[in-house]
Amino acid sequence: MNLLQQLLDKTEELINYLQKTPSEEEREAYIAHIEKLLDQRESLIQQLNGGYTEEEKVIGHKIVQLNQEVDALMKDFFTTLQDNLRKLKHNKKVYQRYNQYQPTADGMFFDKRK
């Protein structure tokens, strides 16, 4: 199998994997697998050299088109991660504000906000 075909197969595998939505528990393994696929693609790209046949040029154009889809899927995933981090920070602030209230012996609360 020539290098361009291997690169095309890896790109398609990456796209199929990026289309899956991981749960929060699976997110680290999901990212690690994406990094592994990207590293494999990078090593294949580095092995490429010039002088392509017409068939290989067609495969190359398809790879370029698929790479645009990979970029879009990666941006979507990154945006999702940013949203989750933003929500986590917001929830942390809300929790800290709520925990500022301390009960007294008779059940009343004193507001310790600054």
PDB file of N, CA and C in Angstrom:
ATOM      1  N   MET A   1       0.858  -1.172   0.000  1.00  0.00           N
ATOM      2  CA  MET A   1       0.000   0.000   0.000  1.00  0.00           C
ATOM      3  C   MET A   1       0.905   1.236   0.000  1.00  0.00           C
ATOM      4  N   ASN A   2       0.606   2.166  -0.886  1.00  0.00           N
ATOM      5  CA  ASN A   2       1.490   3.335  -0.940  1.00  0.00           C
ATOM      6  C   ASN A   2       1.167   4.312   0.186  1.00  0.00           C
ATOM      7  N   LEU A   3       2.084   5.230   0.405  1.00  0.00           N
ATOM      8  CA  LEU A   3       1.977   6.154   1.538  1.00  0.00           C
ATOM      9  C   LEU A   3       0.742   7.043   1.470  1.00  0.00           C
ATOM     10  N   LEU A   4       0.387   7.502   0.271  1.00  0.00           N
ATOM     11  CA  LEU A   4      -0.789   8.367   0.151  1.00  0.00           C
ATOM     12  C   LEU A   4      -2.073   7.626   0.524  1.00  0.00           C
ATOM     13  N   GLN A   5      -2.162   6.359   0.144  1.00  0.00           N
ATOM     14  CA  GLN A   5      -3.340   5.567   0.494  1.00  0.00           C
ATOM     15  C   GLN A   5      -3.398   5.352   2.002  1.00  0.00           C
ATOM     16  N   GLN A   6      -2.237   5.102   2.618  1.00  0.00           N
ATOM     17  CA  GLN A   6      -2.189   4.959   4.075  1.00  0.00           C
ATOM     18  C   GLN A   6      -2.610   6.261   4.757  1.00  0.00           C
ATOM     19  N   LEU A   7      -2.141   7.384   4.211  1.00  0.00           N
ATOM     20  CA  LEU A   7      -2.502   8.683   4.766  1.00  0.00           C
ATOM     21  C   LEU A   7      -3.994   8.943   4.624  1.00  0.00           C
ATOM     22  N   LEU A   8      -4.554   8.573   3.487  1.00  0.00           N
ATOM     23  CA  LEU A   8      -5.999   8.715   3.271  1.00  0.00           C
ATOM     24  C   LEU A   8      -6.777   7.860   4.268  1.00  0.00           C
ATOM     25  N   ASP A   9      -6.334   6.635   4.471  1.00  0.00           N
ATOM     26  CA  ASP A   9      -7.010   5.744   5.426  1.00  0.00           C
ATOM     27  C   ASP A   9      -6.939   6.298   6.849  1.00  0.00           C
ATOM     28  N   LYS A  10      -5.767   6.815   7.251  1.00  0.00           N
ATOM     29  CA  LYS A  10      -5.609   7.391   8.598  1.00  0.00           C
ATOM     30  C   LYS A  10      -6.492   8.624   8.761  1.00  0.00           C
ATOM     31  N   THR A  11      -6.589   9.431   7.699  1.00  0.00           N
ATOM     32  CA  THR A  11      -7.416  10.635   7.765  1.00  0.00           C
ATOM     33  C   THR A  11      -8.886  10.258   7.924  1.00  0.00           C
ATOM     34  N   GLU A  12      -9.330   9.265   7.166  1.00  0.00           N
ATOM     35  CA  GLU A  12     -10.719   8.804   7.289  1.00  0.00           C
ATOM     36  C   GLU A  12     -10.981   8.215   8.664  1.00  0.00           C
ATOM     37  N   GLU A  13     -10.009   7.485   9.206  1.00  0.00           N
ATOM     38  CA  GLU A  13     -10.155   6.920  10.554  1.00  0.00           C
ATOM     39  C   GLU A  13     -10.265   8.051  11.584  1.00  0.00           C
ATOM     40  N   LEU A  14      -9.466   9.090  11.409  1.00  0.00           N
ATOM     41  CA  LEU A  14      -9.514  10.232  12.323  1.00  0.00           C
ATOM     42  C   LEU A  14     -10.871  10.929  12.251  1.00  0.00           C
ATOM     43  N   ILE A  15     -11.391  11.111  11.055  1.00  0.00           N
ATOM     44  CA  ILE A  15     -12.699  11.756  10.896  1.00  0.00           C
ATOM     45  C   ILE A  15     -13.789  10.929  11.571  1.00  0.00           C
ATOM     46  N   ASN A  16     -13.763   9.619  11.345  1.00  0.00           N
ATOM     47  CA  ASN A  16     -14.765   8.750  11.968  1.00  0.00           C
ATOM     48  C   ASN A  16     -14.686   8.821  13.486  1.00  0.00           C
ATOM     49  N   TYR A  17     -13.472   8.890  14.013  1.00  0.00           N
ATOM     50  CA  TYR A  17     -13.311   8.953  15.459  1.00  0.00           C
ATOM     51  C   TYR A  17     -13.753  10.302  16.012  1.00  0.00           C
ATOM     52  N   LEU A  18     -13.450  11.386  15.278  1.00  0.00           N
ATOM     53  CA  LEU A  18     -13.835  12.720  15.734  1.00  0.00           C
ATOM     54  C   LEU A  18     -15.350  12.920  15.722  1.00  0.00           C
ATOM     55  N   GLN A  19     -16.051  12.158  14.924  1.00  0.00           N
ATOM     56  CA  GLN A  19     -17.505  12.296  14.847  1.00  0.00           C
ATOM     57  C   GLN A  19     -18.195  11.676  16.053  1.00  0.00           C
ATOM     58  N   LYS A  20     -17.476  10.884  16.832  1.00  0.00           N
ATOM     59  CA  LYS A  20     -18.030  10.322  18.057  1.00  0.00           C
ATOM     60  C   LYS A  20     -17.982  11.391  19.147  1.00  0.00           C
ATOM     61  N   THR A  21     -18.956  11.360  20.034  1.00  0.00           N
ATOM     62  CA  THR A  21     -18.981  12.305  21.146  1.00  0.00           C
ATOM     63  C   THR A  21     -18.682  11.532  22.430  1.00  0.00           C
ATOM     64  N   PRO A  22     -17.550  11.845  23.075  1.00  0.00           N
ATOM     65  CA  PRO A  22     -17.199  11.100  24.292  1.00  0.00           C
ATOM     66  C   PRO A  22     -17.953  11.632  25.509  1.00  0.00           C
ATOM     67  N   SER A  23     -18.122  10.753  26.483  1.00  0.00           N
ATOM     68  CA  SER A  23     -18.673  11.211  27.758  1.00  0.00           C
ATOM     69  C   SER A  23     -17.546  11.904  28.527  1.00  0.00           C
ATOM     70  N   GLU A  24     -17.882  12.558  29.616  1.00  0.00           N
ATOM     71  CA  GLU A  24     -16.857  13.268  30.378  1.00  0.00           C
ATOM     72  C   GLU A  24     -15.820  12.300  30.950  1.00  0.00           C
ATOM     73  N   GLU A  25     -16.244  11.083  31.276  1.00  0.00           N
ATOM     74  CA  GLU A  25     -15.323  10.099  31.837  1.00  0.00           C
ATOM     75  C   GLU A  25     -14.354   9.579  30.780  1.00  0.00           C
ATOM     76  N   GLU A  26     -14.784   9.535  29.534  1.00  0.00           N
ATOM     77  CA  GLU A  26     -13.968   8.985  28.450  1.00  0.00           C
ATOM     78  C   GLU A  26     -13.133  10.056  27.744  1.00  0.00           C
ATOM     79  N   ARG A  27     -13.247  11.287  28.161  1.00  0.00           N
ATOM     80  CA  ARG A  27     -12.633  12.397  27.425  1.00  0.00           C
ATOM     81  C   ARG A  27     -11.112  12.287  27.330  1.00  0.00           C
ATOM     82  N   GLU A  28     -10.446  11.912  28.407  1.00  0.00           N
ATOM     83  CA  GLU A  28      -8.981  11.823  28.376  1.00  0.00           C
ATOM     84  C   GLU A  28      -8.512  10.749  27.406  1.00  0.00           C
ATOM     85  N   ALA A  29      -9.159   9.591  27.432  1.00  0.00           N
ATOM     86  CA  ALA A  29      -8.796   8.518  26.503  1.00  0.00           C
ATOM     87  C   ALA A  29      -9.100   8.929  25.063  1.00  0.00           C
ATOM     88  N   TYR A  30     -10.186   9.671  24.879  1.00  0.00           N
ATOM     89  CA  TYR A  30     -10.577  10.166  23.562  1.00  0.00           C
ATOM     90  C   TYR A  30      -9.497  11.096  23.009  1.00  0.00           C
ATOM     91  N   ILE A  31      -9.037  12.030  23.829  1.00  0.00           N
ATOM     92  CA  ILE A  31      -8.003  12.972  23.403  1.00  0.00           C
ATOM     93  C   ILE A  31      -6.691  12.241  23.127  1.00  0.00           C
ATOM     94  N   ALA A  32      -6.351  11.272  23.970  1.00  0.00           N
ATOM     95  CA  ALA A  32      -5.111  10.514  23.768  1.00  0.00           C
ATOM     96  C   ALA A  32      -5.146   9.759  22.439  1.00  0.00           C
ATOM     97  N   HIS A  33      -6.305   9.193  22.106  1.00  0.00           N
ATOM     98  CA  HIS A  33      -6.419   8.470  20.839  1.00  0.00           C
ATOM     99  C   HIS A  33      -6.325   9.431  19.651  1.00  0.00           C
ATOM    100  N   ILE A  34      -6.905  10.600  19.778  1.00  0.00           N
ATOM    101  CA  ILE A  34      -6.794  11.611  18.711  1.00  0.00           C
ATOM    102  C   ILE A  34      -5.329  11.998  18.514  1.00  0.00           C
ATOM    103  N   GLU A  35      -4.611  12.216  19.609  1.00  0.00           N
ATOM    104  CA  GLU A  35      -3.192  12.567  19.507  1.00  0.00           C
ATOM    105  C   GLU A  35      -2.407  11.452  18.825  1.00  0.00           C
ATOM    106  N   LYS A  36      -2.733  10.212  19.150  1.00  0.00           N
ATOM    107  CA  LYS A  36      -2.058   9.073  18.536  1.00  0.00           C
ATOM    108  C   LYS A  36      -2.303   9.049  17.021  1.00  0.00           C
ATOM    109  N   LEU A  37      -3.556   9.249  16.613  1.00  0.00           N
ATOM    110  CA  LEU A  37      -3.877   9.261  15.185  1.00  0.00           C
ATOM    111  C   LEU A  37      -3.188  10.423  14.476  1.00  0.00           C
ATOM    112  N   LEU A  38      -3.150  11.592  15.112  1.00  0.00           N
ATOM    113  CA  LEU A  38      -2.482  12.741  14.512  1.00  0.00           C
ATOM    114  C   LEU A  38      -0.978  12.504  14.370  1.00  0.00           C
ATOM    115  N   ASP A  39      -0.374  11.865  15.372  1.00  0.00           N
ATOM    116  CA  ASP A  39       1.055  11.541  15.291  1.00  0.00           C
ATOM    117  C   ASP A  39       1.336  10.557  14.156  1.00  0.00           C
ATOM    118  N   GLN A  40       0.458   9.572  13.999  1.00  0.00           N
ATOM    119  CA  GLN A  40       0.629   8.609  12.910  1.00  0.00           C
ATOM    120  C   GLN A  40       0.510   9.299  11.556  1.00  0.00           C
ATOM    121  N   ARG A  41      -0.463  10.209  11.430  1.00  0.00           N
ATOM    122  CA  ARG A  41      -0.611  10.967  10.183  1.00  0.00           C
ATOM    123  C   ARG A  41       0.618  11.820   9.920  1.00  0.00           C
ATOM    124  N   GLU A  42       1.138  12.456  10.966  1.00  0.00           N
ATOM    125  CA  GLU A  42       2.310  13.309  10.802  1.00  0.00           C
ATOM    126  C   GLU A  42       3.517  12.505  10.310  1.00  0.00           C
ATOM    127  N   SER A  43       3.710  11.323  10.866  1.00  0.00           N
ATOM    128  CA  SER A  43       4.844  10.502  10.426  1.00  0.00           C
ATOM    129  C   SER A  43       4.679  10.073   8.964  1.00  0.00           C
ATOM    130  N   LEU A  44       3.452   9.794   8.542  1.00  0.00           N
ATOM    131  CA  LEU A  44       3.218   9.449   7.137  1.00  0.00           C
ATOM    132  C   LEU A  44       3.476  10.653   6.231  1.00  0.00           C
ATOM    133  N   ILE A  45       3.064  11.832   6.665  1.00  0.00           N
ATOM    134  CA  ILE A  45       3.274  13.047   5.872  1.00  0.00           C
ATOM    135  C   ILE A  45       4.765  13.322   5.714  1.00  0.00           C
ATOM    136  N   GLN A  46       5.539  13.103   6.768  1.00  0.00           N
ATOM    137  CA  GLN A  46       6.976  13.357   6.707  1.00  0.00           C
ATOM    138  C   GLN A  46       7.680  12.382   5.760  1.00  0.00           C
ATOM    139  N   GLN A  47       7.108  11.206   5.545  1.00  0.00           N
ATOM    140  CA  GLN A  47       7.709  10.210   4.663  1.00  0.00           C
ATOM    141  C   GLN A  47       7.411  10.479   3.187  1.00  0.00           C
ATOM    142  N   LEU A  48       6.464  11.377   2.917  1.00  0.00           N
ATOM    143  CA  LEU A  48       6.084  11.653   1.529  1.00  0.00           C
ATOM    144  C   LEU A  48       7.212  12.368   0.796  1.00  0.00           C
ATOM    145  N   ASN A  49       7.320  12.042  -0.494  1.00  0.00           N
ATOM    146  CA  ASN A  49       8.260  12.762  -1.345  1.00  0.00           C
ATOM    147  C   ASN A  49       7.560  13.076  -2.660  1.00  0.00           C
ATOM    148  N   GLY A  50       8.122  13.919  -3.478  1.00  0.00           N
ATOM    149  CA  GLY A  50       7.467  14.391  -4.692  1.00  0.00           C
ATOM    150  C   GLY A  50       7.374  13.341  -5.796  1.00  0.00           C
ATOM    151  N   GLY A  51       6.920  13.791  -6.964  1.00  0.00           N
ATOM    152  CA  GLY A  51       6.817  12.925  -8.124  1.00  0.00           C
ATOM    153  C   GLY A  51       5.630  11.993  -8.063  1.00  0.00           C
ATOM    154  N   TYR A  52       4.437  12.542  -8.114  1.00  0.00           N
ATOM    155  CA  TYR A  52       3.232  11.738  -7.962  1.00  0.00           C
ATOM    156  C   TYR A  52       2.600  11.440  -9.316  1.00  0.00           C
ATOM    157  N   THR A  53       1.965  10.281  -9.405  1.00  0.00           N
ATOM    158  CA  THR A  53       1.206   9.927 -10.601  1.00  0.00           C
ATOM    159  C   THR A  53      -0.143  10.636 -10.538  1.00  0.00           C
ATOM    160  N   GLU A  54      -0.897  10.558 -11.617  1.00  0.00           N
ATOM    161  CA  GLU A  54      -2.220  11.196 -11.653  1.00  0.00           C
ATOM    162  C   GLU A  54      -3.141  10.603 -10.585  1.00  0.00           C
ATOM    163  N   GLU A  55      -3.064   9.295 -10.402  1.00  0.00           N
ATOM    164  CA  GLU A  55      -3.896   8.632  -9.382  1.00  0.00           C
ATOM    165  C   GLU A  55      -3.532   9.131  -7.985  1.00  0.00           C
ATOM    166  N   GLU A  56      -2.238   9.294  -7.737  1.00  0.00           N
ATOM    167  CA  GLU A  56      -1.800   9.780  -6.428  1.00  0.00           C
ATOM    168  C   GLU A  56      -2.208  11.244  -6.218  1.00  0.00           C
ATOM    169  N   LYS A  57      -2.227  12.024  -7.299  1.00  0.00           N
ATOM    170  CA  LYS A  57      -2.671  13.414  -7.187  1.00  0.00           C
ATOM    171  C   LYS A  57      -4.150  13.485  -6.816  1.00  0.00           C
ATOM    172  N   VAL A  58      -4.960  12.573  -7.356  1.00  0.00           N
ATOM    173  CA  VAL A  58      -6.381  12.522  -7.008  1.00  0.00           C
ATOM    174  C   VAL A  58      -6.541  12.186  -5.523  1.00  0.00           C
ATOM    175  N   ILE A  59      -5.762  11.220  -5.063  1.00  0.00           N
ATOM    176  CA  ILE A  59      -5.793  10.853  -3.642  1.00  0.00           C
ATOM    177  C   ILE A  59      -5.358  12.045  -2.789  1.00  0.00           C
ATOM    178  N   GLY A  60      -4.347  12.771  -3.246  1.00  0.00           N
ATOM    179  CA  GLY A  60      -3.867  13.944  -2.518  1.00  0.00           C
ATOM    180  C   GLY A  60      -4.933  15.020  -2.396  1.00  0.00           C
ATOM    181  N   HIS A  61      -5.675  15.261  -3.462  1.00  0.00           N
ATOM    182  CA  HIS A  61      -6.759  16.256  -3.410  1.00  0.00           C
ATOM    183  C   HIS A  61      -7.852  15.826  -2.432  1.00  0.00           C
ATOM    184  N   LYS A  62      -8.126  14.530  -2.415  1.00  0.00           N
ATOM    185  CA  LYS A  62      -9.135  14.023  -1.478  1.00  0.00           C
ATOM    186  C   LYS A  62      -8.656  14.196  -0.035  1.00  0.00           C
ATOM    187  N   ILE A  63      -7.372  13.963   0.189  1.00  0.00           N
ATOM    188  CA  ILE A  63      -6.802  14.136   1.533  1.00  0.00           C
ATOM    189  C   ILE A  63      -6.924  15.595   1.973  1.00  0.00           C
ATOM    190  N   VAL A  64      -6.653  16.512   1.062  1.00  0.00           N
ATOM    191  CA  VAL A  64      -6.758  17.947   1.388  1.00  0.00           C
ATOM    192  C   VAL A  64      -8.194  18.298   1.767  1.00  0.00           C
ATOM    193  N   GLN A  65      -9.164  17.783   1.021  1.00  0.00           N
ATOM    194  CA  GLN A  65     -10.568  18.045   1.332  1.00  0.00           C
ATOM    195  C   GLN A  65     -10.949  17.455   2.687  1.00  0.00           C
ATOM    196  N   LEU A  66     -10.496  16.225   2.949  1.00  0.00           N
ATOM    197  CA  LEU A  66     -10.802  15.583   4.228  1.00  0.00           C
ATOM    198  C   LEU A  66     -10.126  16.310   5.383  1.00  0.00           C
ATOM    199  N   ASN A  67      -8.955  16.875   5.118  1.00  0.00           N
ATOM    200  CA  ASN A  67      -8.254  17.610   6.164  1.00  0.00           C
ATOM    201  C   ASN A  67      -9.042  18.839   6.609  1.00  0.00           C
ATOM    202  N   GLN A  68      -9.759  19.453   5.694  1.00  0.00           N
ATOM    203  CA  GLN A  68     -10.615  20.582   6.061  1.00  0.00           C
ATOM    204  C   GLN A  68     -11.732  20.120   6.996  1.00  0.00           C
ATOM    205  N   GLU A  69     -12.256  18.929   6.736  1.00  0.00           N
ATOM    206  CA  GLU A  69     -13.287  18.378   7.624  1.00  0.00           C
ATOM    207  C   GLU A  69     -12.701  18.061   8.993  1.00  0.00           C
ATOM    208  N   VAL A  70     -11.463  17.539   9.009  1.00  0.00           N
ATOM    209  CA  VAL A  70     -10.791  17.262  10.283  1.00  0.00           C
ATOM    210  C   VAL A  70     -10.640  18.560  11.075  1.00  0.00           C
ATOM    211  N   ASP A  71     -10.216  19.629  10.396  1.00  0.00           N
ATOM    212  CA  ASP A  71     -10.059  20.927  11.072  1.00  0.00           C
ATOM    213  C   ASP A  71     -11.371  21.391  11.691  1.00  0.00           C
ATOM    214  N   ALA A  72     -12.466  21.270  10.945  1.00  0.00           N
ATOM    215  CA  ALA A  72     -13.772  21.706  11.459  1.00  0.00           C
ATOM    216  C   ALA A  72     -14.189  20.868  12.669  1.00  0.00           C
ATOM    217  N   LEU A  73     -13.988  19.565  12.602  1.00  0.00           N
ATOM    218  CA  LEU A  73     -14.361  18.691  13.722  1.00  0.00           C
ATOM    219  C   LEU A  73     -13.502  18.971  14.951  1.00  0.00           C
ATOM    220  N   MET A  74     -12.224  19.241  14.727  1.00  0.00           N
ATOM    221  CA  MET A  74     -11.333  19.554  15.851  1.00  0.00           C
ATOM    222  C   MET A  74     -11.748  20.879  16.499  1.00  0.00           C
ATOM    223  N   LYS A  75     -12.122  21.867  15.695  1.00  0.00           N
ATOM    224  CA  LYS A  75     -12.572  23.149  16.243  1.00  0.00           C
ATOM    225  C   LYS A  75     -13.849  22.972  17.052  1.00  0.00           C
ATOM    226  N   ASP A  76     -14.769  22.145  16.568  1.00  0.00           N
ATOM    227  CA  ASP A  76     -16.006  21.879  17.309  1.00  0.00           C
ATOM    228  C   ASP A  76     -15.709  21.244  18.659  1.00  0.00           C
ATOM    229  N   PHE A  77     -14.811  20.266  18.662  1.00  0.00           N
ATOM    230  CA  PHE A  77     -14.462  19.595  19.912  1.00  0.00           C
ATOM    231  C   PHE A  77     -13.784  20.567  20.867  1.00  0.00           C
ATOM    232  N   PHE A  78     -12.896  21.397  20.343  1.00  0.00           N
ATOM    233  CA  PHE A  78     -12.204  22.385  21.175  1.00  0.00           C
ATOM    234  C   PHE A  78     -13.192  23.378  21.769  1.00  0.00           C
ATOM    235  N   THR A  79     -14.162  23.804  20.986  1.00  0.00           N
ATOM    236  CA  THR A  79     -15.194  24.726  21.469  1.00  0.00           C
ATOM    237  C   THR A  79     -15.998  24.068  22.590  1.00  0.00           C
ATOM    238  N   THR A  80     -16.323  22.805  22.425  1.00  0.00           N
ATOM    239  CA  THR A  80     -17.048  22.070  23.465  1.00  0.00           C
ATOM    240  C   THR A  80     -16.235  22.017  24.754  1.00  0.00           C
ATOM    241  N   LEU A  81     -14.939  21.760  24.633  1.00  0.00           N
ATOM    242  CA  LEU A  81     -14.078  21.738  25.820  1.00  0.00           C
ATOM    243  C   LEU A  81     -14.043  23.099  26.506  1.00  0.00           C
ATOM    244  N   GLN A  82     -13.943  24.166  25.713  1.00  0.00           N
ATOM    245  CA  GLN A  82     -13.924  25.508  26.292  1.00  0.00           C
ATOM    246  C   GLN A  82     -15.233  25.810  27.021  1.00  0.00           C
ATOM    247  N   ASP A  83     -16.355  25.413  26.429  1.00  0.00           N
ATOM    248  CA  ASP A  83     -17.651  25.627  27.083  1.00  0.00           C
ATOM    249  C   ASP A  83     -17.736  24.875  28.404  1.00  0.00           C
ATOM    250  N   ASN A  84     -17.257  23.642  28.414  1.00  0.00           N
ATOM    251  CA  ASN A  84     -17.285  22.849  29.646  1.00  0.00           C
ATOM    252  C   ASN A  84     -16.415  23.481  30.733  1.00  0.00           C
ATOM    253  N   LEU A  85     -15.250  23.997  30.344  1.00  0.00           N
ATOM    254  CA  LEU A  85     -14.390  24.662  31.325  1.00  0.00           C
ATOM    255  C   LEU A  85     -15.039  25.935  31.857  1.00  0.00           C
ATOM    256  N   ARG A  86     -15.681  26.678  30.983  1.00  0.00           N
ATOM    257  CA  ARG A  86     -16.367  27.898  31.395  1.00  0.00           C
ATOM    258  C   ARG A  86     -17.484  27.569  32.395  1.00  0.00           C
ATOM    259  N   LYS A  87     -18.251  26.532  32.113  1.00  0.00           N
ATOM    260  CA  LYS A  87     -19.328  26.119  33.028  1.00  0.00           C
ATOM    261  C   LYS A  87     -18.760  25.654  34.362  1.00  0.00           C
ATOM    262  N   LEU A  88     -17.657  24.933  34.326  1.00  0.00           N
ATOM    263  CA  LEU A  88     -17.034  24.447  35.549  1.00  0.00           C
ATOM    264  C   LEU A  88     -16.573  25.607  36.423  1.00  0.00           C
ATOM    265  N   LYS A  89     -15.955  26.615  35.805  1.00  0.00           N
ATOM    266  CA  LYS A  89     -15.516  27.790  36.559  1.00  0.00           C
ATOM    267  C   LYS A  89     -16.705  28.537  37.149  1.00  0.00           C
ATOM    268  N   HIS A  90     -17.773  28.659  36.381  1.00  0.00           N
ATOM    269  CA  HIS A  90     -18.977  29.340  36.871  1.00  0.00           C
ATOM    270  C   HIS A  90     -19.565  28.583  38.059  1.00  0.00           C
ATOM    271  N   ASN A  91     -19.668  27.271  37.939  1.00  0.00           N
ATOM    272  CA  ASN A  91     -20.221  26.466  39.040  1.00  0.00           C
ATOM    273  C   ASN A  91     -19.344  26.563  40.284  1.00  0.00           C
ATOM    274  N   LYS A  92     -18.045  26.656  40.092  1.00  0.00           N
ATOM    275  CA  LYS A  92     -17.138  26.781  41.228  1.00  0.00           C
ATOM    276  C   LYS A  92     -17.366  28.110  41.950  1.00  0.00           C
ATOM    277  N   LYS A  93     -17.547  29.190  41.176  1.00  0.00           N
ATOM    278  CA  LYS A  93     -17.814  30.500  41.787  1.00  0.00           C
ATOM    279  C   LYS A  93     -19.129  30.484  42.554  1.00  0.00           C
ATOM    280  N   VAL A  94     -20.162  29.896  41.974  1.00  0.00           N
ATOM    281  CA  VAL A  94     -21.470  29.827  42.625  1.00  0.00           C
ATOM    282  C   VAL A  94     -21.361  29.021  43.919  1.00  0.00           C
ATOM    283  N   TYR A  95     -20.641  27.931  43.893  1.00  0.00           N
ATOM    284  CA  TYR A  95     -20.473  27.091  45.076  1.00  0.00           C
ATOM    285  C   TYR A  95     -19.749  27.859  46.181  1.00  0.00           C
ATOM    286  N   GLN A  96     -18.703  28.600  45.785  1.00  0.00           N
ATOM    287  CA  GLN A  96     -17.954  29.363  46.784  1.00  0.00           C
ATOM    288  C   GLN A  96     -18.819  30.461  47.401  1.00  0.00           C
ATOM    289  N   ARG A  97     -19.659  31.102  46.615  1.00  0.00           N
ATOM    290  CA  ARG A  97     -20.558  32.128  47.155  1.00  0.00           C
ATOM    291  C   ARG A  97     -21.566  31.523  48.120  1.00  0.00           C
ATOM    292  N   TYR A  98     -22.090  30.376  47.785  1.00  0.00           N
ATOM    293  CA  TYR A  98     -23.090  29.725  48.622  1.00  0.00           C
ATOM    294  C   TYR A  98     -22.484  29.292  49.944  1.00  0.00           C
ATOM    295  N   ASN A  99     -21.249  28.824  49.928  1.00  0.00           N
ATOM    296  CA  ASN A  99     -20.608  28.328  51.151  1.00  0.00           C
ATOM    297  C   ASN A  99     -20.131  29.439  52.076  1.00  0.00           C
ATOM    298  N   GLN A 100     -20.335  30.686  51.727  1.00  0.00           N
ATOM    299  CA  GLN A 100     -19.932  31.779  52.603  1.00  0.00           C
ATOM    300  C   GLN A 100     -20.900  31.956  53.766  1.00  0.00           C
ATOM    301  N   TYR A 101     -22.071  31.392  53.663  1.00  0.00           N
ATOM    302  CA  TYR A 101     -23.056  31.534  54.727  1.00  0.00           C
ATOM    303  C   TYR A 101     -22.765  30.512  55.815  1.00  0.00           C
ATOM    304  N   GLN A 102     -22.652  30.981  57.053  1.00  0.00           N
ATOM    305  CA  GLN A 102     -22.343  30.107  58.177  1.00  0.00           C
ATOM    306  C   GLN A 102     -23.523  30.092  59.158  1.00  0.00           C
ATOM    307  N   PRO A 103     -24.017  28.909  59.524  1.00  0.00           N
ATOM    308  CA  PRO A 103     -25.140  28.867  60.477  1.00  0.00           C
ATOM    309  C   PRO A 103     -24.669  29.213  61.892  1.00  0.00           C
ATOM    310  N   THR A 104     -25.583  29.775  62.664  1.00  0.00           N
ATOM    311  CA  THR A 104     -25.305  30.054  64.074  1.00  0.00           C
ATOM    312  C   THR A 104     -26.010  28.987  64.898  1.00  0.00           C
ATOM    313  N   ALA A 105     -25.882  29.087  66.216  1.00  0.00           N
ATOM    314  CA  ALA A 105     -26.460  28.086  67.106  1.00  0.00           C
ATOM    315  C   ALA A 105     -27.988  28.072  67.035  1.00  0.00           C
ATOM    316  N   ASP A 106     -28.619  29.200  66.765  1.00  0.00           N
ATOM    317  CA  ASP A 106     -30.074  29.235  66.753  1.00  0.00           C
ATOM    318  C   ASP A 106     -30.652  29.046  65.335  1.00  0.00           C
ATOM    319  N   GLY A 107     -29.807  28.674  64.343  1.00  0.00           N
ATOM    320  CA  GLY A 107     -30.301  28.375  63.007  1.00  0.00           C
ATOM    321  C   GLY A 107     -30.302  29.537  62.046  1.00  0.00           C
ATOM    322  N   MET A 108     -29.890  30.721  62.505  1.00  0.00           N
ATOM    323  CA  MET A 108     -29.841  31.876  61.615  1.00  0.00           C
ATOM    324  C   MET A 108     -28.520  31.839  60.830  1.00  0.00           C
ATOM    325  N   PHE A 109     -28.501  32.544  59.737  1.00  0.00           N
ATOM    326  CA  PHE A 109     -27.294  32.622  58.912  1.00  0.00           C
ATOM    327  C   PHE A 109     -26.790  34.050  58.877  1.00  0.00           C
ATOM    328  N   PHE A 110     -25.492  34.207  58.902  1.00  0.00           N
ATOM    329  CA  PHE A 110     -24.877  35.515  58.719  1.00  0.00           C
ATOM    330  C   PHE A 110     -24.241  35.552  57.352  1.00  0.00           C
ATOM    331  N   ASP A 111     -24.481  36.624  56.652  1.00  0.00           N
ATOM    332  CA  ASP A 111     -23.913  36.821  55.325  1.00  0.00           C
ATOM    333  C   ASP A 111     -22.502  37.332  55.473  1.00  0.00           C
ATOM    334  N   LYS A 112     -21.523  36.585  54.962  1.00  0.00           N
ATOM    335  CA  LYS A 112     -20.126  36.993  55.088  1.00  0.00           C
ATOM    336  C   LYS A 112     -19.576  37.487  53.752  1.00  0.00           C
ATOM    337  N   ARG A 113     -20.441  37.916  52.865  1.00  0.00           N
ATOM    338  CA  ARG A 113     -19.961  38.415  51.571  1.00  0.00           C
ATOM    339  C   ARG A 113     -19.164  39.675  51.757  1.00  0.00           C
ATOM    340  N   LYS A 114     -18.280  39.856  50.846  1.00  0.00           N
ATOM    341  CA  LYS A 114     -17.421  41.044  50.908  1.00  0.00           C
ATOM    342  C   LYS A 114     -18.003  42.151  50.093  1.00  0.00           C
TER     343      LYS A 114
END
